[in-house]
C-alpha atoms as a PDB file:
ATOM      1  CA  MET A   1     -28.745  24.149  21.661  1.00  0.00           C
ATOM      2  CA  THR A   2     -27.499  22.612  18.491  1.00  0.00           C
ATOM      3  CA  GLY A   3     -26.001  19.356  17.355  1.00  0.00           C
ATOM      4  CA  ALA A   4     -25.856  16.189  19.420  1.00  0.00           C
ATOM      5  CA  THR A   5     -26.806  17.903  22.695  1.00  0.00           C
ATOM      6  CA  ASP A   6     -30.151  19.079  21.334  1.00  0.00           C
ATOM      7  CA  PRO A   7     -32.848  16.503  22.263  1.00  0.00           C
ATOM      8  CA  ALA A   8     -34.917  17.385  19.217  1.00  0.00           C
ATOM      9  CA  ALA A   9     -31.908  16.887  16.946  1.00  0.00           C
ATOM     10  CA  SER A  10     -31.153  13.483  18.429  1.00  0.00           C
ATOM     11  CA  GLY A  11     -34.713  12.250  18.005  1.00  0.00           C
ATOM     12  CA  LEU A  12     -35.353  11.890  21.743  1.00  0.00           C
ATOM     13  CA  ALA A  13     -38.099  14.480  21.818  1.00  0.00           C
ATOM     14  CA  GLY A  14     -40.066  12.775  19.075  1.00  0.00           C
ATOM     15  CA  GLY A  15     -38.575  14.997  16.407  1.00  0.00           C
ATOM     16  CA  ASP A  16     -37.394  12.083  14.296  1.00  0.00           C
ATOM     17  CA  LEU A  17     -39.795   9.180  13.796  1.00  0.00           C
ATOM     18  CA  GLY A  18     -37.096   7.188  11.987  1.00  0.00           C
ATOM     19  CA  VAL A  19     -35.092   6.784  15.205  1.00  0.00           C
ATOM     20  CA  TRP A  20     -38.090   5.277  17.003  1.00  0.00           C
ATOM     21  CA  ILE A  21     -38.833   2.972  14.074  1.00  0.00           C
ATOM     22  CA  ALA A  22     -35.217   1.767  14.104  1.00  0.00           C
ATOM     23  CA  ILE A  23     -35.341   1.126  17.859  1.00  0.00           C
ATOM     24  CA  ALA A  24     -38.624  -0.785  17.531  1.00  0.00           C
ATOM     25  CA  ALA A  25     -37.269  -2.826  14.623  1.00  0.00           C
ATOM     26  CA  MET A  26     -34.122  -3.740  16.575  1.00  0.00           C
ATOM     27  CA  ALA A  27     -36.238  -4.754  19.572  1.00  0.00           C
ATOM     28  CA  LEU A  28     -38.432  -6.957  17.395  1.00  0.00           C
ATOM     29  CA  VAL A  29     -35.430  -8.602  15.726  1.00  0.00           C
ATOM     30  CA  THR A  30     -33.808  -9.221  19.115  1.00  0.00           C
ATOM     31  CA  TYR A  31     -36.980 -10.820  20.446  1.00  0.00           C
ATOM     32  CA  ALA A  32     -37.416 -12.897  17.283  1.00  0.00           C
ATOM     33  CA  MET A  33     -33.843 -14.223  17.543  1.00  0.00           C
ATOM     34  CA  ARG A  34     -34.290 -15.239  21.175  1.00  0.00           C
ATOM     35  CA  ALA A  35     -37.754 -16.713  20.707  1.00  0.00           C
ATOM     36  CA  GLY A  36     -36.649 -18.406  17.499  1.00  0.00           C
ATOM     37  CA  GLY A  37     -33.780 -20.111  19.299  1.00  0.00           C
ATOM     38  CA  PHE A  38     -36.121 -21.529  21.919  1.00  0.00           C
ATOM     39  CA  TRP A  39     -38.583 -22.559  19.221  1.00  0.00           C
ATOM     40  CA  MET A  40     -35.885 -24.295  17.158  1.00  0.00           C
ATOM     41  CA  MET A  41     -34.363 -26.120  20.149  1.00  0.00           C
ATOM     42  CA  GLY A  42     -37.847 -27.340  21.042  1.00  0.00           C
ATOM     43  CA  ARG A  43     -37.833 -29.259  17.764  1.00  0.00           C
ATOM     44  CA  VAL A  44     -34.358 -30.801  18.150  1.00  0.00           C
ATOM     45  CA  PRO A  45     -34.388 -34.330  19.555  1.00  0.00           C
ATOM     46  CA  LEU A  46     -32.264 -34.467  22.713  1.00  0.00           C
ATOM     47  CA  THR A  47     -29.971 -37.311  21.764  1.00  0.00           C
ATOM     48  CA  PRO A  48     -26.968 -38.098  23.972  1.00  0.00           C
ATOM     49  CA  ARG A  49     -24.750 -36.252  21.472  1.00  0.00           C
ATOM     50  CA  VAL A  50     -26.878 -33.081  21.656  1.00  0.00           C
ATOM     51  CA  GLN A  51     -26.971 -33.322  25.462  1.00  0.00           C
ATOM     52  CA  ARG A  52     -23.139 -33.519  25.574  1.00  0.00           C
ATOM     53  CA  MET A  53     -22.906 -30.499  23.281  1.00  0.00           C
ATOM     54  CA  LEU A  54     -25.304 -28.487  25.449  1.00  0.00           C
ATOM     55  CA  ALA A  55     -23.419 -29.509  28.588  1.00  0.00           C
ATOM     56  CA  ALA A  56     -20.123 -28.288  27.088  1.00  0.00           C
ATOM     57  CA  LEU A  57     -21.555 -25.005  25.810  1.00  0.00           C
ATOM     58  CA  PRO A  58     -21.160 -22.876  28.989  1.00  0.00           C
ATOM     59  CA  GLY A  59     -17.474 -23.791  29.277  1.00  0.00           C
ATOM     60  CA  SER A  60     -16.937 -22.965  25.623  1.00  0.00           C
ATOM     61  CA  ILE A  61     -18.539 -19.553  26.059  1.00  0.00           C
ATOM     62  CA  VAL A  62     -16.381 -18.807  29.108  1.00  0.00           C
ATOM     63  CA  ALA A  63     -13.234 -19.879  27.242  1.00  0.00           C
ATOM     64  CA  ALA A  64     -14.151 -17.755  24.220  1.00  0.00           C
ATOM     65  CA  THR A  65     -14.696 -14.763  26.503  1.00  0.00           C
ATOM     66  CA  VAL A  66     -11.648 -15.156  28.743  1.00  0.00           C
ATOM     67  CA  LEU A  67      -8.995 -16.222  26.220  1.00  0.00           C
ATOM     68  CA  PRO A  68      -8.796 -12.858  24.395  1.00  0.00           C
ATOM     69  CA  ILE A  69      -8.486 -11.096  27.761  1.00  0.00           C
ATOM     70  CA  VAL A  70      -5.553 -13.330  28.719  1.00  0.00           C
ATOM     71  CA  VAL A  71      -3.866 -12.972  25.319  1.00  0.00           C
ATOM     72  CA  ASN A  72      -4.261  -9.183  25.132  1.00  0.00           C
ATOM     73  CA  GLY A  73      -3.908  -8.449  28.846  1.00  0.00           C
ATOM     74  CA  GLY A  74      -0.411  -9.795  29.316  1.00  0.00           C
ATOM     75  CA  PRO A  75       1.084 -11.628  32.283  1.00  0.00           C
ATOM     76  CA  LEU A  76      -0.964  -9.790  34.918  1.00  0.00           C
ATOM     77  CA  ALA A  77      -4.262 -10.737  33.264  1.00  0.00           C
ATOM     78  CA  ALA A  78      -3.037 -14.328  32.913  1.00  0.00           C
ATOM     79  CA  ALA A  79      -2.105 -14.396  36.617  1.00  0.00           C
ATOM     80  CA  ALA A  80      -5.490 -12.984  37.638  1.00  0.00           C
ATOM     81  CA  VAL A  81      -7.398 -15.480  35.499  1.00  0.00           C
ATOM     82  CA  GLY A  82      -5.144 -18.289  36.714  1.00  0.00           C
ATOM     83  CA  ALA A  83      -5.801 -17.325  40.339  1.00  0.00           C
ATOM     84  CA  GLY A  84      -9.525 -17.376  39.635  1.00  0.00           C
ATOM     85  CA  VAL A  85      -9.293 -20.785  37.984  1.00  0.00           C
ATOM     86  CA  VAL A  86      -7.316 -22.257  40.873  1.00  0.00           C
ATOM     87  CA  THR A  87      -9.752 -20.764  43.394  1.00  0.00           C
ATOM     88  CA  MET A  88     -12.685 -22.202  41.461  1.00  0.00           C
ATOM     89  CA  TRP A  89     -10.989 -25.591  41.295  1.00  0.00           C
ATOM     90  CA  ILE A  90     -10.346 -25.646  45.044  1.00  0.00           C
ATOM     91  CA  ALA A  91     -13.351 -23.815  46.522  1.00  0.00           C
ATOM     92  CA  ARG A  92     -16.006 -24.446  43.833  1.00  0.00           C
ATOM     93  CA  ASN A  93     -17.375 -20.962  44.455  1.00  0.00           C
ATOM     94  CA  ASP A  94     -17.935 -18.635  41.478  1.00  0.00           C
ATOM     95  CA  PHE A  95     -18.145 -15.469  43.531  1.00  0.00           C
ATOM     96  CA  LEU A  96     -14.967 -16.237  45.471  1.00  0.00           C
ATOM     97  CA  ALA A  97     -13.091 -17.067  42.242  1.00  0.00           C
ATOM     98  CA  VAL A  98     -14.080 -13.716  40.708  1.00  0.00           C
ATOM     99  CA  MET A  99     -13.089 -11.859  43.879  1.00  0.00           C
ATOM    100  CA  VAL A 100      -9.674 -13.575  44.022  1.00  0.00           C
ATOM    101  CA  GLY A 101      -9.035 -12.845  40.342  1.00  0.00           C
ATOM    102  CA  MET A 102      -9.968  -9.202  40.819  1.00  0.00           C
ATOM    103  CA  ALA A 103      -7.794  -8.968  43.927  1.00  0.00           C
ATOM    104  CA  VAL A 104      -4.793 -10.351  42.059  1.00  0.00           C
ATOM    105  CA  ALA A 105      -5.358  -7.896  39.193  1.00  0.00           C
ATOM    106  CA  ALA A 106      -5.800  -4.964  41.594  1.00  0.00           C
ATOM    107  CA  ALA A 107      -2.714  -5.897  43.631  1.00  0.00           C
ATOM    108  CA  GLY A 108      -0.649  -6.258  40.465  1.00  0.00           C
ATOM    109  CA  ARG A 109      -1.768  -2.868  39.182  1.00  0.00           C
ATOM    110  CA  ALA A 110      -1.110  -1.274  42.565  1.00  0.00           C
ATOM    111  CA  ALA A 111       2.383  -2.754  42.472  1.00  0.00           C
ATOM    112  CA  GLY A 112       2.920  -1.178  39.037  1.00  0.00           C
ATOM    113  CA  LEU A 113       2.907  -4.420  37.041  1.00  0.00           C
ATOM    114  CA  ALA A 114       0.431  -3.204  34.443  1.00  0.00           C
END
């Protein structure tokens, strides 16, 4: 075996110490970023303004994730997301909203809309 399919060439068989050092370094940096965030927020006074910001954060993350899908996905993606939003507004059930959105997307694709 040669090239990318050879375990020794890819560093998986311990042939390349640099790969393992890079993986360990990335793991340490990832842990430090997460732990550092908790450490820093432990030192921030929870004023009413900070509490409002933290309360709005999940919605902001969802909007930042969903908006590009709607913009790039076209009318079918917008209809699926809209169906999920309406379901969430009426039923207040996350799982049901996701299922309805997926059903609308699947039905639209089956009908040849995408």
